[in-house]
Structures are given as structure tokens and as C-alpha cells.
Amino acid sequence: MPNSEEIKGNWNEFKGKLKQKFADLTDDDLLYAEGKEDEMWGNLQKKLGKTKKEILSLFE
């Protein structure tokens, strides 16, 4: 599972994979802002009905 540094470095790639897997995600859902990572993950968890660990496991 990728760590937060790997996610930051490859965010565009991760974002593309998430959008392919979950077509209802928007760019606003995937807006990565420094210091707001927890808020973004919380929003993704609500929208997808998955835990952060489940979402991150898509990138292994």
C-alpha cells in the first residue's frame, strides 16, 4: 500500500486510476490540497462507501 509521500508524488496517476474505477468521481472530489488530506479522504470514503485502506489497496 502506498504511503502519503508516494501518493503526493504520484497523485495525478492515482487520480486517473480512481476516476477510471469510479466514474462518478469529479475533479473536486479528488482535489488534493496540502494540509487538507484528511478532509479529502473523508469525502472519498463517504462517496465511495470504502475505507481509506480499501481505496489505497487499489494501487498495489
PDB file of N, CA and C in Angstrom:
ATOM      1  N   MET A   1       0.842  -1.169   0.000  1.00  0.00           N
ATOM      2  CA  MET A   1       0.000   0.000   0.000  1.00  0.00           C
ATOM      3  C   MET A   1       0.893   1.239   0.000  1.00  0.00           C
ATOM      4  N   PRO A   2       0.584   2.227  -0.829  1.00  0.00           N
ATOM      5  CA  PRO A   2       1.440   3.418  -0.915  1.00  0.00           C
ATOM      6  C   PRO A   2       1.329   4.266   0.354  1.00  0.00           C
ATOM      7  N   ASN A   3       2.428   4.919   0.702  1.00  0.00           N
ATOM      8  CA  ASN A   3       2.382   5.835   1.842  1.00  0.00           C
ATOM      9  C   ASN A   3       2.032   7.235   1.332  1.00  0.00           C
ATOM     10  N   SER A   4       1.875   8.177   2.268  1.00  0.00           N
ATOM     11  CA  SER A   4       1.427   9.510   1.869  1.00  0.00           C
ATOM     12  C   SER A   4       2.419  10.229   0.965  1.00  0.00           C
ATOM     13  N   GLU A   5       3.712   9.984   1.127  1.00  0.00           N
ATOM     14  CA  GLU A   5       4.704  10.614   0.247  1.00  0.00           C
ATOM     15  C   GLU A   5       4.590  10.078  -1.178  1.00  0.00           C
ATOM     16  N   GLU A   6       4.357   8.785  -1.311  1.00  0.00           N
ATOM     17  CA  GLU A   6       4.180   8.185  -2.642  1.00  0.00           C
ATOM     18  C   GLU A   6       2.911   8.717  -3.295  1.00  0.00           C
ATOM     19  N   ILE A   7       1.876   8.902  -2.498  1.00  0.00           N
ATOM     20  CA  ILE A   7       0.618   9.433  -3.041  1.00  0.00           C
ATOM     21  C   ILE A   7       0.828  10.849  -3.550  1.00  0.00           C
ATOM     22  N   LYS A   8       1.499  11.687  -2.749  1.00  0.00           N
ATOM     23  CA  LYS A   8       1.753  13.069  -3.174  1.00  0.00           C
ATOM     24  C   LYS A   8       2.543  13.095  -4.472  1.00  0.00           C
ATOM     25  N   GLY A   9       3.554  12.262  -4.573  1.00  0.00           N
ATOM     26  CA  GLY A   9       4.414  12.254  -5.755  1.00  0.00           C
ATOM     27  C   GLY A   9       3.735  11.725  -7.000  1.00  0.00           C
ATOM     28  N   ASN A  10       2.750  10.869  -6.833  1.00  0.00           N
ATOM     29  CA  ASN A  10       2.084  10.238  -7.978  1.00  0.00           C
ATOM     30  C   ASN A  10       0.596  10.558  -8.015  1.00  0.00           C
ATOM     31  N   TRP A  11       0.200  11.719  -7.464  1.00  0.00           N
ATOM     32  CA  TRP A  11      -1.217  12.000  -7.319  1.00  0.00           C
ATOM     33  C   TRP A  11      -1.969  11.987  -8.645  1.00  0.00           C
ATOM     34  N   ASN A  12      -1.405  12.542  -9.703  1.00  0.00           N
ATOM     35  CA  ASN A  12      -2.115  12.562 -10.982  1.00  0.00           C
ATOM     36  C   ASN A  12      -2.394  11.154 -11.485  1.00  0.00           C
ATOM     37  N   GLU A  13      -1.438  10.254 -11.300  1.00  0.00           N
ATOM     38  CA  GLU A  13      -1.631   8.862 -11.703  1.00  0.00           C
ATOM     39  C   GLU A  13      -2.718   8.204 -10.854  1.00  0.00           C
ATOM     40  N   PHE A  14      -2.655   8.401  -9.531  1.00  0.00           N
ATOM     41  CA  PHE A  14      -3.664   7.830  -8.639  1.00  0.00           C
ATOM     42  C   PHE A  14      -5.050   8.386  -8.972  1.00  0.00           C
ATOM     43  N   LYS A  15      -5.101   9.691  -9.212  1.00  0.00           N
ATOM     44  CA  LYS A  15      -6.370  10.346  -9.523  1.00  0.00           C
ATOM     45  C   LYS A  15      -6.980   9.747 -10.790  1.00  0.00           C
ATOM     46  N   GLY A  16      -6.166   9.527 -11.808  1.00  0.00           N
ATOM     47  CA  GLY A  16      -6.656   8.927 -13.047  1.00  0.00           C
ATOM     48  C   GLY A  16      -7.193   7.523 -12.823  1.00  0.00           C
ATOM     49  N   LYS A  17      -6.500   6.740 -12.014  1.00  0.00           N
ATOM     50  CA  LYS A  17      -6.957   5.379 -11.722  1.00  0.00           C
ATOM     51  C   LYS A  17      -8.279   5.392 -10.969  1.00  0.00           C
ATOM     52  N   LEU A  18      -8.404   6.305 -10.011  1.00  0.00           N
ATOM     53  CA  LEU A  18      -9.655   6.396  -9.258  1.00  0.00           C
ATOM     54  C   LEU A  18     -10.811   6.795 -10.169  1.00  0.00           C
ATOM     55  N   LYS A  19     -10.567   7.750 -11.067  1.00  0.00           N
ATOM     56  CA  LYS A  19     -11.628   8.196 -11.974  1.00  0.00           C
ATOM     57  C   LYS A  19     -12.026   7.094 -12.951  1.00  0.00           C
ATOM     58  N   GLN A  20     -11.072   6.249 -13.360  1.00  0.00           N
ATOM     59  CA  GLN A  20     -11.401   5.128 -14.240  1.00  0.00           C
ATOM     60  C   GLN A  20     -12.247   4.101 -13.497  1.00  0.00           C
ATOM     61  N   LYS A  21     -11.898   3.837 -12.250  1.00  0.00           N
ATOM     62  CA  LYS A  21     -12.585   2.817 -11.465  1.00  0.00           C
ATOM     63  C   LYS A  21     -13.949   3.299 -10.976  1.00  0.00           C
ATOM     64  N   PHE A  22     -14.035   4.572 -10.619  1.00  0.00           N
ATOM     65  CA  PHE A  22     -15.263   5.154 -10.069  1.00  0.00           C
ATOM     66  C   PHE A  22     -15.650   6.367 -10.914  1.00  0.00           C
ATOM     67  N   ALA A  23     -16.435   6.136 -11.927  1.00  0.00           N
ATOM     68  CA  ALA A  23     -16.758   7.164 -12.915  1.00  0.00           C
ATOM     69  C   ALA A  23     -17.503   8.360 -12.324  1.00  0.00           C
ATOM     70  N   ASP A  24     -18.146   8.193 -11.188  1.00  0.00           N
ATOM     71  CA  ASP A  24     -18.911   9.307 -10.622  1.00  0.00           C
ATOM     72  C   ASP A  24     -18.053  10.286  -9.825  1.00  0.00           C
ATOM     73  N   LEU A  25     -16.747  10.024  -9.710  1.00  0.00           N
ATOM     74  CA  LEU A  25     -15.864  10.962  -9.029  1.00  0.00           C
ATOM     75  C   LEU A  25     -15.593  12.173  -9.918  1.00  0.00           C
ATOM     76  N   THR A  26     -15.558  13.330  -9.300  1.00  0.00           N
ATOM     77  CA  THR A  26     -15.275  14.563 -10.036  1.00  0.00           C
ATOM     78  C   THR A  26     -13.885  15.071  -9.659  1.00  0.00           C
ATOM     79  N   ASP A  27     -13.414  16.061 -10.397  1.00  0.00           N
ATOM     80  CA  ASP A  27     -12.125  16.676 -10.061  1.00  0.00           C
ATOM     81  C   ASP A  27     -12.187  17.303  -8.668  1.00  0.00           C
ATOM     82  N   ASP A  28     -13.340  17.853  -8.295  1.00  0.00           N
ATOM     83  CA  ASP A  28     -13.477  18.440  -6.966  1.00  0.00           C
ATOM     84  C   ASP A  28     -13.340  17.376  -5.876  1.00  0.00           C
ATOM     85  N   ASP A  29     -13.856  16.166  -6.128  1.00  0.00           N
ATOM     86  CA  ASP A  29     -13.723  15.076  -5.162  1.00  0.00           C
ATOM     87  C   ASP A  29     -12.261  14.715  -4.950  1.00  0.00           C
ATOM     88  N   LEU A  30     -11.462  14.900  -5.973  1.00  0.00           N
ATOM     89  CA  LEU A  30     -10.065  14.463  -5.948  1.00  0.00           C
ATOM     90  C   LEU A  30      -9.085  15.624  -5.805  1.00  0.00           C
ATOM     91  N   LEU A  31      -9.580  16.759  -5.344  1.00  0.00           N
ATOM     92  CA  LEU A  31      -8.729  17.927  -5.164  1.00  0.00           C
ATOM     93  C   LEU A  31      -7.805  17.705  -3.974  1.00  0.00           C
ATOM     94  N   TYR A  32      -6.531  17.621  -4.252  1.00  0.00           N
ATOM     95  CA  TYR A  32      -5.516  17.362  -3.230  1.00  0.00           C
ATOM     96  C   TYR A  32      -4.888  18.675  -2.826  1.00  0.00           C
ATOM     97  N   ALA A  33      -5.209  19.126  -1.632  1.00  0.00           N
ATOM     98  CA  ALA A  33      -4.646  20.382  -1.133  1.00  0.00           C
ATOM     99  C   ALA A  33      -3.779  20.090   0.081  1.00  0.00           C
ATOM    100  N   GLU A  34      -2.619  20.671   0.102  1.00  0.00           N
ATOM    101  CA  GLU A  34      -1.690  20.482   1.222  1.00  0.00           C
ATOM    102  C   GLU A  34      -2.388  20.841   2.526  1.00  0.00           C
ATOM    103  N   GLY A  35      -2.317  19.945   3.497  1.00  0.00           N
ATOM    104  CA  GLY A  35      -2.938  20.177   4.796  1.00  0.00           C
ATOM    105  C   GLY A  35      -4.394  19.769   4.877  1.00  0.00           C
ATOM    106  N   LYS A  36      -4.995  19.394   3.755  1.00  0.00           N
ATOM    107  CA  LYS A  36      -6.410  19.010   3.743  1.00  0.00           C
ATOM    108  C   LYS A  36      -6.594  17.568   3.313  1.00  0.00           C
ATOM    109  N   GLU A  37      -5.551  16.759   3.480  1.00  0.00           N
ATOM    110  CA  GLU A  37      -5.611  15.367   3.038  1.00  0.00           C
ATOM    111  C   GLU A  37      -6.710  14.595   3.756  1.00  0.00           C
ATOM    112  N   ASP A  38      -6.832  14.802   5.075  1.00  0.00           N
ATOM    113  CA  ASP A  38      -7.835  14.060   5.843  1.00  0.00           C
ATOM    114  C   ASP A  38      -9.251  14.382   5.369  1.00  0.00           C
ATOM    115  N   GLU A  39      -9.488  15.645   5.052  1.00  0.00           N
ATOM    116  CA  GLU A  39     -10.805  16.048   4.550  1.00  0.00           C
ATOM    117  C   GLU A  39     -11.098  15.363   3.217  1.00  0.00           C
ATOM    118  N   MET A  40     -10.108  15.345   2.325  1.00  0.00           N
ATOM    119  CA  MET A  40     -10.292  14.691   1.024  1.00  0.00           C
ATOM    120  C   MET A  40     -10.581  13.210   1.202  1.00  0.00           C
ATOM    121  N   TRP A  41      -9.785  12.529   2.049  1.00  0.00           N
ATOM    122  CA  TRP A  41     -10.002  11.096   2.265  1.00  0.00           C
ATOM    123  C   TRP A  41     -11.374  10.839   2.864  1.00  0.00           C
ATOM    124  N   GLY A  42     -11.801  11.685   3.796  1.00  0.00           N
ATOM    125  CA  GLY A  42     -13.133  11.534   4.394  1.00  0.00           C
ATOM    126  C   GLY A  42     -14.231  11.650   3.354  1.00  0.00           C
ATOM    127  N   ASN A  43     -14.089  12.629   2.469  1.00  0.00           N
ATOM    128  CA  ASN A  43     -15.083  12.807   1.400  1.00  0.00           C
ATOM    129  C   ASN A  43     -15.100  11.605   0.454  1.00  0.00           C
ATOM    130  N   LEU A  44     -13.919  11.101   0.097  1.00  0.00           N
ATOM    131  CA  LEU A  44     -13.849   9.920  -0.779  1.00  0.00           C
ATOM    132  C   LEU A  44     -14.470   8.701  -0.103  1.00  0.00           C
ATOM    133  N   GLN A  45     -14.202   8.532   1.178  1.00  0.00           N
ATOM    134  CA  GLN A  45     -14.762   7.397   1.900  1.00  0.00           C
ATOM    135  C   GLN A  45     -16.285   7.446   1.910  1.00  0.00           C
ATOM    136  N   LYS A  46     -16.846   8.626   2.147  1.00  0.00           N
ATOM    137  CA  LYS A  46     -18.310   8.779   2.137  1.00  0.00           C
ATOM    138  C   LYS A  46     -18.876   8.491   0.759  1.00  0.00           C
ATOM    139  N   LYS A  47     -18.285   9.083  -0.259  1.00  0.00           N
ATOM    140  CA  LYS A  47     -18.812   8.958  -1.618  1.00  0.00           C
ATOM    141  C   LYS A  47     -18.704   7.526  -2.141  1.00  0.00           C
ATOM    142  N   LEU A  48     -17.599   6.840  -1.835  1.00  0.00           N
ATOM    143  CA  LEU A  48     -17.376   5.504  -2.381  1.00  0.00           C
ATOM    144  C   LEU A  48     -17.850   4.392  -1.455  1.00  0.00           C
ATOM    145  N   GLY A  49     -18.113   4.710  -0.185  1.00  0.00           N
ATOM    146  CA  GLY A  49     -18.522   3.689   0.764  1.00  0.00           C
ATOM    147  C   GLY A  49     -17.409   2.698   1.061  1.00  0.00           C
ATOM    148  N   LYS A  50     -16.175   3.168   1.006  1.00  0.00           N
ATOM    149  CA  LYS A  50     -14.999   2.324   1.253  1.00  0.00           C
ATOM    150  C   LYS A  50     -14.102   3.011   2.271  1.00  0.00           C
ATOM    151  N   THR A  51     -13.276   2.211   2.944  1.00  0.00           N
ATOM    152  CA  THR A  51     -12.315   2.779   3.878  1.00  0.00           C
ATOM    153  C   THR A  51     -11.114   3.315   3.105  1.00  0.00           C
ATOM    154  N   LYS A  52     -10.317   4.133   3.775  1.00  0.00           N
ATOM    155  CA  LYS A  52      -9.093   4.644   3.140  1.00  0.00           C
ATOM    156  C   LYS A  52      -8.205   3.485   2.738  1.00  0.00           C
ATOM    157  N   LYS A  53      -8.110   2.485   3.594  1.00  0.00           N
ATOM    158  CA  LYS A  53      -7.277   1.310   3.299  1.00  0.00           C
ATOM    159  C   LYS A  53      -7.773   0.596   2.038  1.00  0.00           C
ATOM    160  N   GLU A  54      -9.106   0.471   1.891  1.00  0.00           N
ATOM    161  CA  GLU A  54      -9.654  -0.179   0.687  1.00  0.00           C
ATOM    162  C   GLU A  54      -9.344   0.631  -0.567  1.00  0.00           C
ATOM    163  N   ILE A  55      -9.444   1.944  -0.458  1.00  0.00           N
ATOM    164  CA  ILE A  55      -9.152   2.799  -1.616  1.00  0.00           C
ATOM    165  C   ILE A  55      -7.677   2.689  -1.987  1.00  0.00           C
ATOM    166  N   LEU A  56      -6.807   2.762  -0.984  1.00  0.00           N
ATOM    167  CA  LEU A  56      -5.369   2.686  -1.249  1.00  0.00           C
ATOM    168  C   LEU A  56      -4.962   1.326  -1.793  1.00  0.00           C
ATOM    169  N   SER A  57      -5.685   0.276  -1.429  1.00  0.00           N
ATOM    170  CA  SER A  57      -5.338  -1.062  -1.907  1.00  0.00           C
ATOM    171  C   SER A  57      -5.514  -1.186  -3.424  1.00  0.00           C
ATOM    172  N   LEU A  58      -6.252  -0.283  -4.030  1.00  0.00           N
ATOM    173  CA  LEU A  58      -6.422  -0.288  -5.481  1.00  0.00           C
ATOM    174  C   LEU A  58      -5.110   0.003  -6.206  1.00  0.00           C
ATOM    175  N   PHE A  59      -4.143   0.569  -5.487  1.00  0.00           N
ATOM    176  CA  PHE A  59      -2.895   0.991  -6.102  1.00  0.00           C
ATOM    177  C   PHE A  59      -1.744   0.027  -5.884  1.00  0.00           C
ATOM    178  N   GLU A  60      -2.009  -1.108  -5.304  1.00  0.00           N
ATOM    179  CA  GLU A  60      -0.945  -2.090  -5.061  1.00  0.00           C
ATOM    180  C   GLU A  60      -0.655  -2.873  -6.303  1.00  0.00           C
TER     181      GLU A  60
END
